[in-house]
C-alpha atoms as a PDB file:
ATOM      1  CA  UNK A   1     -47.102 -62.681  85.564  1.00  0.00           C
ATOM      2  CA  UNK A   2     -48.102 -62.038  81.935  1.00  0.00           C
ATOM      3  CA  UNK A   3     -50.545 -64.144  79.922  1.00  0.00           C
ATOM      4  CA  UNK A   4     -47.673 -65.354  77.746  1.00  0.00           C
ATOM      5  CA  UNK A   5     -45.726 -66.532  80.789  1.00  0.00           C
ATOM      6  CA  UNK A   6     -48.718 -68.464  82.071  1.00  0.00           C
ATOM      7  CA  UNK A   7     -49.285 -70.298  78.793  1.00  0.00           C
ATOM      8  CA  UNK A   8     -45.753 -71.469  78.015  1.00  0.00           C
ATOM      9  CA  UNK A   9     -42.213 -71.691  79.272  1.00  0.00           C
ATOM     10  CA  UNK A  10     -40.604 -72.634  82.541  1.00  0.00           C
ATOM     11  CA  UNK A  11     -41.618 -71.344  85.954  1.00  0.00           C
ATOM     12  CA  UNK A  12     -39.411 -71.997  89.002  1.00  0.00           C
ATOM     13  CA  UNK A  13     -40.684 -71.060  92.444  1.00  0.00           C
ATOM     14  CA  UNK A  14     -38.778 -71.686  95.642  1.00  0.00           C
ATOM     15  CA  UNK A  15     -39.989 -70.851  99.133  1.00  0.00           C
ATOM     16  CA  UNK A  16     -37.797 -71.964 102.031  1.00  0.00           C
ATOM     17  CA  UNK A  17     -39.206 -71.290 105.470  1.00  0.00           C
ATOM     18  CA  UNK A  18     -37.320 -71.821 108.715  1.00  0.00           C
ATOM     19  CA  UNK A  19     -38.636 -74.551 111.025  1.00  0.00           C
ATOM     20  CA  UNK A  20     -39.672 -73.261 114.442  1.00  0.00           C
ATOM     21  CA  UNK A  21     -41.259 -74.609 117.601  1.00  0.00           C
ATOM     22  CA  UNK A  22     -44.872 -73.455 117.885  1.00  0.00           C
ATOM     23  CA  UNK A  23     -44.032 -69.837 117.254  1.00  0.00           C
ATOM     24  CA  UNK A  24     -46.652 -67.147 117.651  1.00  0.00           C
ATOM     25  CA  UNK A  25     -45.489 -65.455 114.416  1.00  0.00           C
ATOM     26  CA  UNK A  26     -47.826 -66.321 111.583  1.00  0.00           C
ATOM     27  CA  UNK A  27     -47.234 -67.178 107.979  1.00  0.00           C
ATOM     28  CA  UNK A  28     -49.371 -68.668 105.240  1.00  0.00           C
ATOM     29  CA  UNK A  29     -51.722 -71.247 106.736  1.00  0.00           C
ATOM     30  CA  UNK A  30     -52.427 -74.493 104.906  1.00  0.00           C
ATOM     31  CA  UNK A  31     -53.640 -78.064 105.328  1.00  0.00           C
ATOM     32  CA  UNK A  32     -51.390 -80.949 104.250  1.00  0.00           C
ATOM     33  CA  UNK A  33     -53.050 -84.291 103.444  1.00  0.00           C
ATOM     34  CA  UNK A  34     -51.595 -87.171 105.508  1.00  0.00           C
ATOM     35  CA  UNK A  35     -54.236 -89.883 105.065  1.00  0.00           C
ATOM     36  CA  UNK A  36     -55.501 -91.802 103.118  1.00  0.00           C
ATOM     37  CA  UNK A  37     -52.338 -92.955 101.289  1.00  0.00           C
ATOM     38  CA  UNK A  38     -52.415 -92.406  97.557  1.00  0.00           C
ATOM     39  CA  UNK A  39     -51.381 -90.002  94.810  1.00  0.00           C
ATOM     40  CA  UNK A  40     -52.654 -86.915  96.659  1.00  0.00           C
ATOM     41  CA  UNK A  41     -50.788 -87.549  99.912  1.00  0.00           C
ATOM     42  CA  UNK A  42     -48.697 -84.540 100.865  1.00  0.00           C
ATOM     43  CA  UNK A  43     -50.892 -82.186  98.842  1.00  0.00           C
ATOM     44  CA  UNK A  44     -51.087 -78.715 100.399  1.00  0.00           C
ATOM     45  CA  UNK A  45     -54.293 -76.684 100.434  1.00  0.00           C
ATOM     46  CA  UNK A  46     -53.508 -73.006 101.175  1.00  0.00           C
ATOM     47  CA  UNK A  47     -56.077 -71.305 103.397  1.00  0.00           C
ATOM     48  CA  UNK A  48     -56.541 -68.034 101.534  1.00  0.00           C
ATOM     49  CA  UNK A  49     -60.123 -67.306 102.632  1.00  0.00           C
ATOM     50  CA  UNK A  50     -61.215 -66.160 106.084  1.00  0.00           C
ATOM     51  CA  UNK A  51     -63.598 -69.078 106.536  1.00  0.00           C
ATOM     52  CA  UNK A  52     -64.346 -72.490 105.033  1.00  0.00           C
ATOM     53  CA  UNK A  53     -67.012 -75.138 105.224  1.00  0.00           C
ATOM     54  CA  UNK A  54     -65.452 -78.607 104.984  1.00  0.00           C
ATOM     55  CA  UNK A  55     -67.502 -81.586 103.858  1.00  0.00           C
ATOM     56  CA  UNK A  56     -68.173 -84.349 101.369  1.00  0.00           C
ATOM     57  CA  UNK A  57     -70.167 -82.128  99.003  1.00  0.00           C
ATOM     58  CA  UNK A  58     -71.421 -78.559  98.632  1.00  0.00           C
ATOM     59  CA  UNK A  59     -68.461 -77.280 100.655  1.00  0.00           C
ATOM     60  CA  UNK A  60     -65.571 -74.858 100.224  1.00  0.00           C
ATOM     61  CA  UNK A  61     -63.114 -77.716 100.854  1.00  0.00           C
ATOM     62  CA  UNK A  62     -64.499 -80.969  99.486  1.00  0.00           C
ATOM     63  CA  UNK A  63     -63.222 -84.271 100.918  1.00  0.00           C
ATOM     64  CA  UNK A  64     -64.800 -87.086  98.838  1.00  0.00           C
ATOM     65  CA  UNK A  65     -64.782 -89.733 101.589  1.00  0.00           C
ATOM     66  CA  UNK A  66     -67.813 -91.684 102.829  1.00  0.00           C
ATOM     67  CA  UNK A  67     -66.715 -91.143 106.453  1.00  0.00           C
ATOM     68  CA  UNK A  68     -66.916 -87.360 105.949  1.00  0.00           C
ATOM     69  CA  UNK A  69     -70.341 -85.746 106.407  1.00  0.00           C
ATOM     70  CA  UNK A  70     -71.818 -83.498 103.728  1.00  0.00           C
ATOM     71  CA  UNK A  71     -71.296 -80.492 106.005  1.00  0.00           C
ATOM     72  CA  UNK A  72     -68.654 -81.736 108.426  1.00  0.00           C
ATOM     73  CA  UNK A  73     -66.718 -78.816 109.958  1.00  0.00           C
ATOM     74  CA  UNK A  74     -65.806 -75.164 109.620  1.00  0.00           C
ATOM     75  CA  UNK A  75     -62.412 -73.471 109.576  1.00  0.00           C
ATOM     76  CA  UNK A  76     -62.250 -69.740 110.253  1.00  0.00           C
ATOM     77  CA  UNK A  77     -59.652 -67.103 111.067  1.00  0.00           C
ATOM     78  CA  UNK A  78     -60.319 -64.432 113.684  1.00  0.00           C
ATOM     79  CA  UNK A  79     -59.111 -60.816 113.645  1.00  0.00           C
ATOM     80  CA  UNK A  80     -55.942 -61.801 115.504  1.00  0.00           C
ATOM     81  CA  UNK A  81     -55.027 -64.299 112.763  1.00  0.00           C
ATOM     82  CA  UNK A  82     -55.763 -67.405 114.816  1.00  0.00           C
ATOM     83  CA  UNK A  83     -57.508 -70.292 113.068  1.00  0.00           C
ATOM     84  CA  UNK A  84     -60.458 -72.042 114.714  1.00  0.00           C
ATOM     85  CA  UNK A  85     -62.041 -75.368 113.815  1.00  0.00           C
ATOM     86  CA  UNK A  86     -65.606 -76.299 114.740  1.00  0.00           C
ATOM     87  CA  UNK A  87     -67.610 -79.463 114.197  1.00  0.00           C
ATOM     88  CA  UNK A  88     -71.024 -79.165 112.511  1.00  0.00           C
ATOM     89  CA  UNK A  89     -72.613 -82.164 114.201  1.00  0.00           C
ATOM     90  CA  UNK A  90     -70.837 -84.633 111.922  1.00  0.00           C
ATOM     91  CA  UNK A  91     -71.507 -88.352 112.238  1.00  0.00           C
ATOM     92  CA  UNK A  92     -67.884 -89.461 112.635  1.00  0.00           C
ATOM     93  CA  UNK A  93     -66.541 -86.411 114.414  1.00  0.00           C
ATOM     94  CA  UNK A  94     -63.798 -83.815 114.094  1.00  0.00           C
ATOM     95  CA  UNK A  95     -60.530 -84.487 115.926  1.00  0.00           C
ATOM     96  CA  UNK A  96     -57.469 -82.405 116.800  1.00  0.00           C
ATOM     97  CA  UNK A  97     -54.454 -84.518 117.742  1.00  0.00           C
ATOM     98  CA  UNK A  98     -56.867 -87.484 118.091  1.00  0.00           C
ATOM     99  CA  UNK A  99     -59.081 -85.654 120.616  1.00  0.00           C
ATOM    100  CA  UNK A 100     -62.685 -85.218 119.512  1.00  0.00           C
ATOM    101  CA  UNK A 101     -63.632 -81.550 119.631  1.00  0.00           C
ATOM    102  CA  UNK A 102     -66.604 -79.261 119.160  1.00  0.00           C
ATOM    103  CA  UNK A 103     -64.522 -76.094 118.733  1.00  0.00           C
ATOM    104  CA  UNK A 104     -60.786 -75.568 119.089  1.00  0.00           C
ATOM    105  CA  UNK A 105     -58.132 -73.016 118.229  1.00  0.00           C
ATOM    106  CA  UNK A 106     -55.478 -74.594 116.018  1.00  0.00           C
ATOM    107  CA  UNK A 107     -51.736 -74.427 116.638  1.00  0.00           C
ATOM    108  CA  UNK A 108     -49.035 -74.848 114.036  1.00  0.00           C
ATOM    109  CA  UNK A 109     -48.395 -78.560 113.473  1.00  0.00           C
ATOM    110  CA  UNK A 110     -51.735 -79.795 114.846  1.00  0.00           C
ATOM    111  CA  UNK A 111     -53.081 -82.993 113.298  1.00  0.00           C
ATOM    112  CA  UNK A 112     -56.708 -82.592 112.209  1.00  0.00           C
ATOM    113  CA  UNK A 113     -59.024 -85.470 111.323  1.00  0.00           C
ATOM    114  CA  UNK A 114     -62.382 -85.218 109.548  1.00  0.00           C
ATOM    115  CA  UNK A 115     -63.892 -88.708 109.763  1.00  0.00           C
ATOM    116  CA  UNK A 116     -61.041 -90.823 108.365  1.00  0.00           C
ATOM    117  CA  UNK A 117     -59.328 -88.035 106.397  1.00  0.00           C
ATOM    118  CA  UNK A 118     -56.265 -86.713 108.230  1.00  0.00           C
ATOM    119  CA  UNK A 119     -54.474 -83.423 107.633  1.00  0.00           C
ATOM    120  CA  UNK A 120     -51.706 -81.452 109.267  1.00  0.00           C
ATOM    121  CA  UNK A 121     -52.371 -77.773 109.939  1.00  0.00           C
ATOM    122  CA  UNK A 122     -49.370 -75.563 109.194  1.00  0.00           C
ATOM    123  CA  UNK A 123     -48.986 -71.808 109.367  1.00  0.00           C
ATOM    124  CA  UNK A 124     -46.223 -71.723 106.748  1.00  0.00           C
ATOM    125  CA  UNK A 125     -43.288 -71.491 109.125  1.00  0.00           C
ATOM    126  CA  UNK A 126     -42.155 -75.093 109.073  1.00  0.00           C
ATOM    127  CA  UNK A 127     -42.463 -75.710 105.341  1.00  0.00           C
ATOM    128  CA  UNK A 128     -39.585 -75.704 102.895  1.00  0.00           C
ATOM    129  CA  UNK A 129     -40.766 -76.134  99.335  1.00  0.00           C
ATOM    130  CA  UNK A 130     -39.599 -75.788  95.757  1.00  0.00           C
ATOM    131  CA  UNK A 131     -41.393 -76.104  92.421  1.00  0.00           C
ATOM    132  CA  UNK A 132     -40.271 -76.515  88.837  1.00  0.00           C
ATOM    133  CA  UNK A 133     -42.988 -76.286  86.197  1.00  0.00           C
ATOM    134  CA  UNK A 134     -42.755 -76.387  82.406  1.00  0.00           C
ATOM    135  CA  UNK A 135     -45.764 -76.251  80.147  1.00  0.00           C
ATOM    136  CA  UNK A 136     -46.795 -75.237  76.631  1.00  0.00           C
ATOM    137  CA  UNK A 137     -49.814 -75.969  74.428  1.00  0.00           C
ATOM    138  CA  UNK A 138     -49.033 -79.724  74.282  1.00  0.00           C
ATOM    139  CA  UNK A 139     -46.782 -80.687  77.212  1.00  0.00           C
ATOM    140  CA  UNK A 140     -46.932 -80.289  80.977  1.00  0.00           C
ATOM    141  CA  UNK A 141     -44.041 -81.142  83.321  1.00  0.00           C
ATOM    142  CA  UNK A 142     -44.682 -80.652  87.050  1.00  0.00           C
ATOM    143  CA  UNK A 143     -42.257 -81.090  89.941  1.00  0.00           C
ATOM    144  CA  UNK A 144     -42.689 -80.310  93.622  1.00  0.00           C
ATOM    145  CA  UNK A 145     -40.585 -81.025  96.696  1.00  0.00           C
ATOM    146  CA  UNK A 146     -41.755 -80.293 100.243  1.00  0.00           C
ATOM    147  CA  UNK A 147     -39.946 -80.710 103.550  1.00  0.00           C
ATOM    148  CA  UNK A 148     -42.212 -80.787 106.623  1.00  0.00           C
ATOM    149  CA  UNK A 149     -40.523 -80.125 109.953  1.00  0.00           C
ATOM    150  CA  UNK A 150     -41.887 -80.709 113.445  1.00  0.00           C
ATOM    151  CA  UNK A 151     -39.760 -79.036 116.088  1.00  0.00           C
ATOM    152  CA  UNK A 152     -41.301 -79.956 119.420  1.00  0.00           C
ATOM    153  CA  UNK A 153     -40.622 -78.078 122.617  1.00  0.00           C
ATOM    154  CA  UNK A 154     -37.956 -79.810 124.689  1.00  0.00           C
ATOM    155  CA  UNK A 155     -36.233 -81.406 121.690  1.00  0.00           C
ATOM    156  CA  UNK A 156     -32.917 -80.300 120.190  1.00  0.00           C
ATOM    157  CA  UNK A 157     -33.571 -81.329 116.596  1.00  0.00           C
ATOM    158  CA  UNK A 158     -36.675 -81.154 114.396  1.00  0.00           C
ATOM    159  CA  UNK A 159     -38.268 -84.230 112.840  1.00  0.00           C
ATOM    160  CA  UNK A 160     -38.085 -83.817 109.064  1.00  0.00           C
ATOM    161  CA  UNK A 161     -40.283 -85.580 106.490  1.00  0.00           C
ATOM    162  CA  UNK A 162     -39.498 -85.040 102.782  1.00  0.00           C
ATOM    163  CA  UNK A 163     -42.196 -85.398 100.119  1.00  0.00           C
ATOM    164  CA  UNK A 164     -41.822 -85.041  96.355  1.00  0.00           C
ATOM    165  CA  UNK A 165     -43.474 -85.869  93.064  1.00  0.00           C
ATOM    166  CA  UNK A 166     -42.809 -85.458  89.357  1.00  0.00           C
ATOM    167  CA  UNK A 167     -45.444 -85.663  86.622  1.00  0.00           C
ATOM    168  CA  UNK A 168     -45.282 -85.570  82.817  1.00  0.00           C
ATOM    169  CA  UNK A 169     -48.434 -85.103  80.709  1.00  0.00           C
ATOM    170  CA  UNK A 170     -49.232 -84.799  76.988  1.00  0.00           C
ATOM    171  CA  UNK A 171     -52.375 -83.138  75.662  1.00  0.00           C
ATOM    172  CA  UNK A 172     -54.503 -84.707  72.898  1.00  0.00           C
ATOM    173  CA  UNK A 173     -57.579 -82.543  72.482  1.00  0.00           C
ATOM    174  CA  UNK A 174     -59.585 -82.809  75.702  1.00  0.00           C
ATOM    175  CA  UNK A 175     -57.515 -85.822  76.860  1.00  0.00           C
ATOM    176  CA  UNK A 176     -54.318 -85.496  78.898  1.00  0.00           C
ATOM    177  CA  UNK A 177     -52.636 -88.856  79.728  1.00  0.00           C
ATOM    178  CA  UNK A 178     -49.820 -88.600  82.258  1.00  0.00           C
ATOM    179  CA  UNK A 179     -47.156 -90.465  84.210  1.00  0.00           C
ATOM    180  CA  UNK A 180     -46.421 -89.592  87.839  1.00  0.00           C
ATOM    181  CA  UNK A 181     -43.894 -90.729  90.432  1.00  0.00           C
ATOM    182  CA  UNK A 182     -44.250 -89.824  94.114  1.00  0.00           C
ATOM    183  CA  UNK A 183     -42.071 -90.260  97.186  1.00  0.00           C
ATOM    184  CA  UNK A 184     -42.939 -89.676 100.868  1.00  0.00           C
ATOM    185  CA  UNK A 185     -40.648 -90.432 103.804  1.00  0.00           C
ATOM    186  CA  UNK A 186     -42.050 -89.847 107.304  1.00  0.00           C
ATOM    187  CA  UNK A 187     -39.641 -89.980 110.224  1.00  0.00           C
ATOM    188  CA  UNK A 188     -40.618 -93.089 112.198  1.00  0.00           C
ATOM    189  CA  UNK A 189     -39.791 -91.345 115.486  1.00  0.00           C
ATOM    190  CA  UNK A 190     -41.974 -88.306 114.795  1.00  0.00           C
ATOM    191  CA  UNK A 191     -44.819 -88.380 117.366  1.00  0.00           C
ATOM    192  CA  UNK A 192     -46.975 -85.971 115.340  1.00  0.00           C
ATOM    193  CA  UNK A 193     -47.260 -87.680 111.954  1.00  0.00           C
ATOM    194  CA  UNK A 194     -49.688 -90.599 111.775  1.00  0.00           C
ATOM    195  CA  UNK A 195     -47.886 -92.131 108.770  1.00  0.00           C
ATOM    196  CA  UNK A 196     -44.635 -93.947 109.472  1.00  0.00           C
ATOM    197  CA  UNK A 197     -41.964 -94.999 107.020  1.00  0.00           C
ATOM    198  CA  UNK A 198     -41.528 -94.551 103.289  1.00  0.00           C
ATOM    199  CA  UNK A 199     -44.136 -94.543 100.529  1.00  0.00           C
ATOM    200  CA  UNK A 200     -43.095 -94.401  96.870  1.00  0.00           C
ATOM    201  CA  UNK A 201     -44.046 -95.613  93.425  1.00  0.00           C
ATOM    202  CA  UNK A 202     -45.410 -94.778  89.970  1.00  0.00           C
ATOM    203  CA  UNK A 203     -48.874 -93.864  88.787  1.00  0.00           C
ATOM    204  CA  UNK A 204     -50.424 -93.569  85.343  1.00  0.00           C
ATOM    205  CA  UNK A 205     -53.628 -91.749  84.578  1.00  0.00           C
ATOM    206  CA  UNK A 206     -55.688 -89.625  82.258  1.00  0.00           C
ATOM    207  CA  UNK A 207     -57.420 -86.300  82.748  1.00  0.00           C
ATOM    208  CA  UNK A 208     -60.409 -85.371  80.613  1.00  0.00           C
ATOM    209  CA  UNK A 209     -61.184 -81.648  80.367  1.00  0.00           C
ATOM    210  CA  UNK A 210     -64.763 -82.026  79.183  1.00  0.00           C
ATOM    211  CA  UNK A 211     -65.617 -78.366  79.920  1.00  0.00           C
ATOM    212  CA  UNK A 212     -63.811 -75.116  80.710  1.00  0.00           C
ATOM    213  CA  UNK A 213     -64.910 -75.444  84.323  1.00  0.00           C
ATOM    214  CA  UNK A 214     -64.859 -79.230  84.887  1.00  0.00           C
ATOM    215  CA  UNK A 215     -62.469 -82.160  84.522  1.00  0.00           C
ATOM    216  CA  UNK A 216     -62.439 -85.887  85.277  1.00  0.00           C
ATOM    217  CA  UNK A 217     -59.309 -87.769  86.357  1.00  0.00           C
ATOM    218  CA  UNK A 218     -58.698 -91.527  86.547  1.00  0.00           C
ATOM    219  CA  UNK A 219     -55.425 -92.766  88.035  1.00  0.00           C
ATOM    220  CA  UNK A 220     -53.876 -96.201  88.669  1.00  0.00           C
ATOM    221  CA  UNK A 221     -51.262 -96.416  91.444  1.00  0.00           C
ATOM    222  CA  UNK A 222     -48.545 -98.982  92.155  1.00  0.00           C
ATOM    223  CA  UNK A 223     -47.140 -97.895  95.525  1.00  0.00           C
ATOM    224  CA  UNK A 224     -44.606 -99.438  97.888  1.00  0.00           C
ATOM    225  CA  UNK A 225     -44.593 -98.911 101.652  1.00  0.00           C
ATOM    226  CA  UNK A 226     -41.146 -99.359 103.242  1.00  0.00           C
ATOM    227  CA  UNK A 227     -40.352-103.099 102.975  1.00  0.00           C
ATOM    228  CA  UNK A 228     -43.941-104.166 102.285  1.00  0.00           C
ATOM    229  CA  UNK A 229     -45.033-105.604  98.915  1.00  0.00           C
ATOM    230  CA  UNK A 230     -46.362-103.124  96.412  1.00  0.00           C
ATOM    231  CA  UNK A 231     -50.051-102.272  96.553  1.00  0.00           C
ATOM    232  CA  UNK A 232     -52.297-101.319  93.644  1.00  0.00           C
ATOM    233  CA  UNK A 233     -55.084 -98.766  93.719  1.00  0.00           C
ATOM    234  CA  UNK A 234     -57.448 -96.912  91.415  1.00  0.00           C
ATOM    235  CA  UNK A 235     -58.556 -93.330  92.050  1.00  0.00           C
ATOM    236  CA  UNK A 236     -61.263 -91.326  90.296  1.00  0.00           C
ATOM    237  CA  UNK A 237     -61.764 -87.602  90.767  1.00  0.00           C
ATOM    238  CA  UNK A 238     -64.214 -85.020  89.429  1.00  0.00           C
ATOM    239  CA  UNK A 239     -63.097 -81.405  89.787  1.00  0.00           C
ATOM    240  CA  UNK A 240     -64.828 -78.087  89.124  1.00  0.00           C
ATOM    241  CA  UNK A 241     -63.554 -74.513  88.804  1.00  0.00           C
ATOM    242  CA  UNK A 242     -65.737 -71.588  89.818  1.00  0.00           C
END
């Protein structure tokens, strides 16, 4: 992609992947955030390195939660392409499918918990996703839709959970106020996902790019959960680029 294409215009990426049942074929591995609820739920973190340290700070994958230790766990891929997770003596433990572990090989669809932060491990084969992005020097319009599928052995149909968000932002110097709407619908009969039901609602926020390598984001959320009354929340995030 050219520099001009990166700085303006419309970019559409679509990547459908067939849902399978614990196949041994490997695709792109990633972690999908399942808990805590909020604006980042459903966010995918591709695992492009061979190994990661996961923790609250000074880590390759930073999880800013008090229940997560500074150096909590490691994720690493062996020569065969299998991913292994290992606990680093964390206070609140590392869990795979709600079983506390010291070291474990991960399978596609496993639920991984670091303290109280819960992710789903996927190898890319049960993800269907599409993106539409438009941006220029002043405006940014982001859209993403993801369909997670769990096809368990012994079942005839997969459990499907759609997730989507749309976000519009306007740049004013170092400030970028934005509006976001997100939607998550987890199949209530899915035995793998910890979240059940539908989450949806708007968010407003502002991102401050106070340096080329650092930004601060403050976001207010007004989210509904199935038939429950709406809940309000405030999130703050500090991000760095290296």
